[in-house]
Amino acid sequence: MARHVIAPVDELPPGTRKFLEIDGRPIAIFNVKGEYFGLMNRCPHQGAALCEGPLIGLAQSNNPGEIEYTKLGEIIRCPWHGWEFDIRTGQSYCDPRRFRVKAYPAHVEPGASVVKGPYIAETIPVSVESDYVVVEL
């Protein structure tokens, strides 16, 4: 599994998410109370940008009339049809046996270890086909 540096920690404070594309895959990174989670940003139901939906909690009940609200901010609801997924695991709460969203491990590393690399820079061929006027101030 390849490592991808996403952002400095201060650019992704608790309660926020960051959208990006990695190797052609739409990914969202979430910070939930200082813990980081990666999730494929595509709903398996009909392909919506899943991670653009609201973060909610999970309502559970063991007895009639008793509701416990857990996992606050850890459940993502699809903006199109309301399907719900756990951002920690990708588990579906609509049909857990058939559907899940790909979850990616995310964590914080010290800047010194990130700087070490090795990294391969993407290169783009460039050609200059005419002269340009340049001013120096």
C-alpha atoms as a PDB file:
ATOM      1  CA  MET A   1       0.000   0.000   0.000  1.00  0.00           C
ATOM      2  CA  ALA A   2       1.453   3.365  -1.037  1.00  0.00           C
ATOM      3  CA  ARG A   3       1.649   6.287   1.380  1.00  0.00           C
ATOM      4  CA  HIS A   4       0.238   9.652   0.335  1.00  0.00           C
ATOM      5  CA  VAL A   5       0.883  12.839   2.270  1.00  0.00           C
ATOM      6  CA  ILE A   6      -2.433  14.671   2.547  1.00  0.00           C
ATOM      7  CA  ALA A   7      -1.965  17.898   4.525  1.00  0.00           C
ATOM      8  CA  PRO A   8      -0.429  19.394   7.648  1.00  0.00           C
ATOM      9  CA  VAL A   9      -2.500  18.549  10.730  1.00  0.00           C
ATOM     10  CA  ASP A  10      -3.505  22.195  11.269  1.00  0.00           C
ATOM     11  CA  GLU A  11      -5.171  22.248   7.824  1.00  0.00           C
ATOM     12  CA  LEU A  12      -7.593  19.491   8.886  1.00  0.00           C
ATOM     13  CA  PRO A  13      -8.954  20.422  12.344  1.00  0.00           C
ATOM     14  CA  PRO A  14     -11.434  18.205  14.233  1.00  0.00           C
ATOM     15  CA  GLY A  15     -14.851  18.072  12.593  1.00  0.00           C
ATOM     16  CA  THR A  16     -13.568  18.776   9.079  1.00  0.00           C
ATOM     17  CA  ARG A  17     -12.993  16.731   5.954  1.00  0.00           C
ATOM     18  CA  LYS A  18     -10.767  17.090   2.912  1.00  0.00           C
ATOM     19  CA  PHE A  19     -11.628  15.897  -0.593  1.00  0.00           C
ATOM     20  CA  LEU A  20      -8.929  14.767  -3.000  1.00  0.00           C
ATOM     21  CA  GLU A  21      -8.201  12.369  -5.805  1.00  0.00           C
ATOM     22  CA  ILE A  22      -5.466   9.779  -5.365  1.00  0.00           C
ATOM     23  CA  ASP A  23      -4.477   7.570  -8.288  1.00  0.00           C
ATOM     24  CA  GLY A  24      -7.780   8.428 -10.005  1.00  0.00           C
ATOM     25  CA  ARG A  25      -9.892   7.514  -6.951  1.00  0.00           C
ATOM     26  CA  PRO A  26     -12.079  10.080  -5.169  1.00  0.00           C
ATOM     27  CA  ILE A  27     -11.129  10.017  -1.482  1.00  0.00           C
ATOM     28  CA  ALA A  28     -12.237  11.979   1.570  1.00  0.00           C
ATOM     29  CA  ILE A  29     -10.185  12.294   4.739  1.00  0.00           C
ATOM     30  CA  PHE A  30     -12.073  13.008   7.985  1.00  0.00           C
ATOM     31  CA  ASN A  31     -10.836  14.303  11.332  1.00  0.00           C
ATOM     32  CA  VAL A  32     -13.161  13.051  14.058  1.00  0.00           C
ATOM     33  CA  LYS A  33     -12.009  14.342  17.449  1.00  0.00           C
ATOM     34  CA  GLY A  34      -8.344  14.056  16.457  1.00  0.00           C
ATOM     35  CA  GLU A  35      -8.637  10.646  14.768  1.00  0.00           C
ATOM     36  CA  TYR A  36      -8.235  10.448  10.986  1.00  0.00           C
ATOM     37  CA  PHE A  37     -10.155   8.230   8.579  1.00  0.00           C
ATOM     38  CA  GLY A  38     -10.104   7.840   4.819  1.00  0.00           C
ATOM     39  CA  LEU A  39     -13.145   6.796   2.811  1.00  0.00           C
ATOM     40  CA  MET A  40     -13.902   6.308  -0.879  1.00  0.00           C
ATOM     41  CA  ASN A  41     -16.049   9.248  -1.928  1.00  0.00           C
ATOM     42  CA  ARG A  42     -18.487   7.185  -3.973  1.00  0.00           C
ATOM     43  CA  CYS A  43     -21.699   5.635  -2.691  1.00  0.00           C
ATOM     44  CA  PRO A  44     -21.994   1.979  -3.775  1.00  0.00           C
ATOM     45  CA  HIS A  45     -25.734   2.433  -4.275  1.00  0.00           C
ATOM     46  CA  GLN A  46     -25.752   4.821  -7.252  1.00  0.00           C
ATOM     47  CA  GLY A  47     -22.382   6.566  -7.255  1.00  0.00           C
ATOM     48  CA  ALA A  48     -23.142   9.795  -5.401  1.00  0.00           C
ATOM     49  CA  ALA A  49     -20.293  11.824  -3.914  1.00  0.00           C
ATOM     50  CA  LEU A  50     -20.958  10.087  -0.603  1.00  0.00           C
ATOM     51  CA  CYS A  51     -18.664  12.155   1.600  1.00  0.00           C
ATOM     52  CA  GLU A  52     -20.427  15.403   0.710  1.00  0.00           C
ATOM     53  CA  GLY A  53     -23.350  14.235   2.852  1.00  0.00           C
ATOM     54  CA  PRO A  54     -23.836  15.127   6.509  1.00  0.00           C
ATOM     55  CA  LEU A  55     -21.944  13.477   9.360  1.00  0.00           C
ATOM     56  CA  ILE A  56     -24.441  12.181  11.867  1.00  0.00           C
ATOM     57  CA  GLY A  57     -24.635   9.706  14.738  1.00  0.00           C
ATOM     58  CA  LEU A  58     -26.220   6.300  15.121  1.00  0.00           C
ATOM     59  CA  ALA A  59     -29.581   5.855  16.836  1.00  0.00           C
ATOM     60  CA  GLN A  60     -29.774   2.462  18.566  1.00  0.00           C
ATOM     61  CA  SER A  61     -32.406   0.829  20.723  1.00  0.00           C
ATOM     62  CA  ASN A  62     -32.339  -2.294  22.874  1.00  0.00           C
ATOM     63  CA  ASN A  63     -35.839  -1.757  24.278  1.00  0.00           C
ATOM     64  CA  PRO A  64     -38.980  -0.096  22.947  1.00  0.00           C
ATOM     65  CA  GLY A  65     -39.039   3.605  23.722  1.00  0.00           C
ATOM     66  CA  GLU A  66     -35.346   3.727  24.642  1.00  0.00           C
ATOM     67  CA  ILE A  67     -33.048   5.328  22.077  1.00  0.00           C
ATOM     68  CA  GLU A  68     -29.330   5.797  22.515  1.00  0.00           C
ATOM     69  CA  TYR A  69     -27.492   8.139  20.162  1.00  0.00           C
ATOM     70  CA  THR A  70     -23.923   6.887  19.642  1.00  0.00           C
ATOM     71  CA  LYS A  71     -21.027   7.361  17.208  1.00  0.00           C
ATOM     72  CA  LEU A  72     -21.697  11.091  16.985  1.00  0.00           C
ATOM     73  CA  GLY A  73     -19.998  12.465  13.858  1.00  0.00           C
ATOM     74  CA  GLU A  74     -18.875   8.996  12.706  1.00  0.00           C
ATOM     75  CA  ILE A  75     -21.710   8.081  10.337  1.00  0.00           C
ATOM     76  CA  ILE A  76     -21.849   9.604   6.853  1.00  0.00           C
ATOM     77  CA  ARG A  77     -25.231   9.899   5.148  1.00  0.00           C
ATOM     78  CA  CYS A  78     -25.330   9.797   1.350  1.00  0.00           C
ATOM     79  CA  PRO A  79     -26.673  13.111   0.031  1.00  0.00           C
ATOM     80  CA  TRP A  80     -28.778  11.419  -2.671  1.00  0.00           C
ATOM     81  CA  HIS A  81     -30.728   8.652  -0.952  1.00  0.00           C
ATOM     82  CA  GLY A  82     -29.739   8.788   2.716  1.00  0.00           C
ATOM     83  CA  TRP A  83     -27.782   5.526   2.897  1.00  0.00           C
ATOM     84  CA  GLU A  84     -25.574   5.543   5.991  1.00  0.00           C
ATOM     85  CA  PHE A  85     -21.997   4.292   6.382  1.00  0.00           C
ATOM     86  CA  ASP A  86     -19.553   4.120   9.290  1.00  0.00           C
ATOM     87  CA  ILE A  87     -16.524   6.262   8.353  1.00  0.00           C
ATOM     88  CA  ARG A  88     -14.226   4.105  10.539  1.00  0.00           C
ATOM     89  CA  THR A  89     -14.981   0.864   8.680  1.00  0.00           C
ATOM     90  CA  GLY A  90     -17.090   1.677   5.609  1.00  0.00           C
ATOM     91  CA  GLN A  91     -19.871  -0.585   6.936  1.00  0.00           C
ATOM     92  CA  SER A  92     -23.311   0.078   5.504  1.00  0.00           C
ATOM     93  CA  TYR A  93     -26.214   0.484   7.911  1.00  0.00           C
ATOM     94  CA  CYS A  94     -28.760  -0.002   5.103  1.00  0.00           C
ATOM     95  CA  ASP A  95     -27.627  -3.462   3.991  1.00  0.00           C
ATOM     96  CA  PRO A  96     -24.422  -4.447   5.834  1.00  0.00           C
ATOM     97  CA  ARG A  97     -24.144  -7.886   4.180  1.00  0.00           C
ATOM     98  CA  ARG A  98     -24.166  -6.514   0.622  1.00  0.00           C
ATOM     99  CA  PHE A  99     -22.763  -2.988   0.733  1.00  0.00           C
ATOM    100  CA  ARG A 100     -19.714  -1.283   2.137  1.00  0.00           C
ATOM    101  CA  VAL A 101     -17.527   1.654   1.170  1.00  0.00           C
ATOM    102  CA  LYS A 102     -13.782   1.206   0.891  1.00  0.00           C
ATOM    103  CA  ALA A 103     -12.117   2.583   4.024  1.00  0.00           C
ATOM    104  CA  TYR A 104      -8.465   3.638   4.005  1.00  0.00           C
ATOM    105  CA  PRO A 105      -6.231   3.857   7.068  1.00  0.00           C
ATOM    106  CA  ALA A 106      -5.115   7.408   7.852  1.00  0.00           C
ATOM    107  CA  HIS A 107      -2.822   8.588  10.619  1.00  0.00           C
ATOM    108  CA  VAL A 108      -0.491  11.352  11.685  1.00  0.00           C
ATOM    109  CA  GLU A 109       3.274  11.085  11.216  1.00  0.00           C
ATOM    110  CA  PRO A 110       5.954  13.503  12.400  1.00  0.00           C
ATOM    111  CA  GLY A 111       7.000  15.992   9.737  1.00  0.00           C
ATOM    112  CA  ALA A 112      10.595  14.747   9.841  1.00  0.00           C
ATOM    113  CA  SER A 113       9.535  11.252   8.744  1.00  0.00           C
ATOM    114  CA  VAL A 114       7.355  12.636   5.945  1.00  0.00           C
ATOM    115  CA  VAL A 115      10.166  14.818   4.573  1.00  0.00           C
ATOM    116  CA  LYS A 116      12.527  11.842   4.222  1.00  0.00           C
ATOM    117  CA  GLY A 117      10.669  10.354   1.265  1.00  0.00           C
ATOM    118  CA  PRO A 118      11.565   8.729  -1.062  1.00  0.00           C
ATOM    119  CA  TYR A 119       9.295  10.600  -3.408  1.00  0.00           C
ATOM    120  CA  ILE A 120       9.075  10.575  -7.161  1.00  0.00           C
ATOM    121  CA  ALA A 121       8.200  13.934  -8.673  1.00  0.00           C
ATOM    122  CA  GLU A 122       5.636  14.028 -11.449  1.00  0.00           C
ATOM    123  CA  THR A 123       7.127  15.618 -14.533  1.00  0.00           C
ATOM    124  CA  ILE A 124       5.327  17.335 -17.361  1.00  0.00           C
ATOM    125  CA  PRO A 125       7.003  18.003 -20.718  1.00  0.00           C
ATOM    126  CA  VAL A 126       7.185  21.734 -21.434  1.00  0.00           C
ATOM    127  CA  SER A 127       8.259  23.576 -24.557  1.00  0.00           C
ATOM    128  CA  VAL A 128       8.591  27.286 -25.218  1.00  0.00           C
ATOM    129  CA  GLU A 129       7.680  28.160 -28.787  1.00  0.00           C
ATOM    130  CA  SER A 130       8.031  31.944 -28.881  1.00  0.00           C
ATOM    131  CA  ASP A 131       9.812  34.835 -27.206  1.00  0.00           C
ATOM    132  CA  TYR A 132       8.302  36.731 -24.285  1.00  0.00           C
ATOM    133  CA  VAL A 133       8.640  40.291 -23.055  1.00  0.00           C
ATOM    134  CA  VAL A 134       9.921  40.352 -19.488  1.00  0.00           C
ATOM    135  CA  VAL A 135      10.235  43.356 -17.197  1.00  0.00           C
ATOM    136  CA  GLU A 136      12.409  43.483 -14.113  1.00  0.00           C
ATOM    137  CA  LEU A 137      11.406  45.928 -11.389  1.00  0.00           C
END
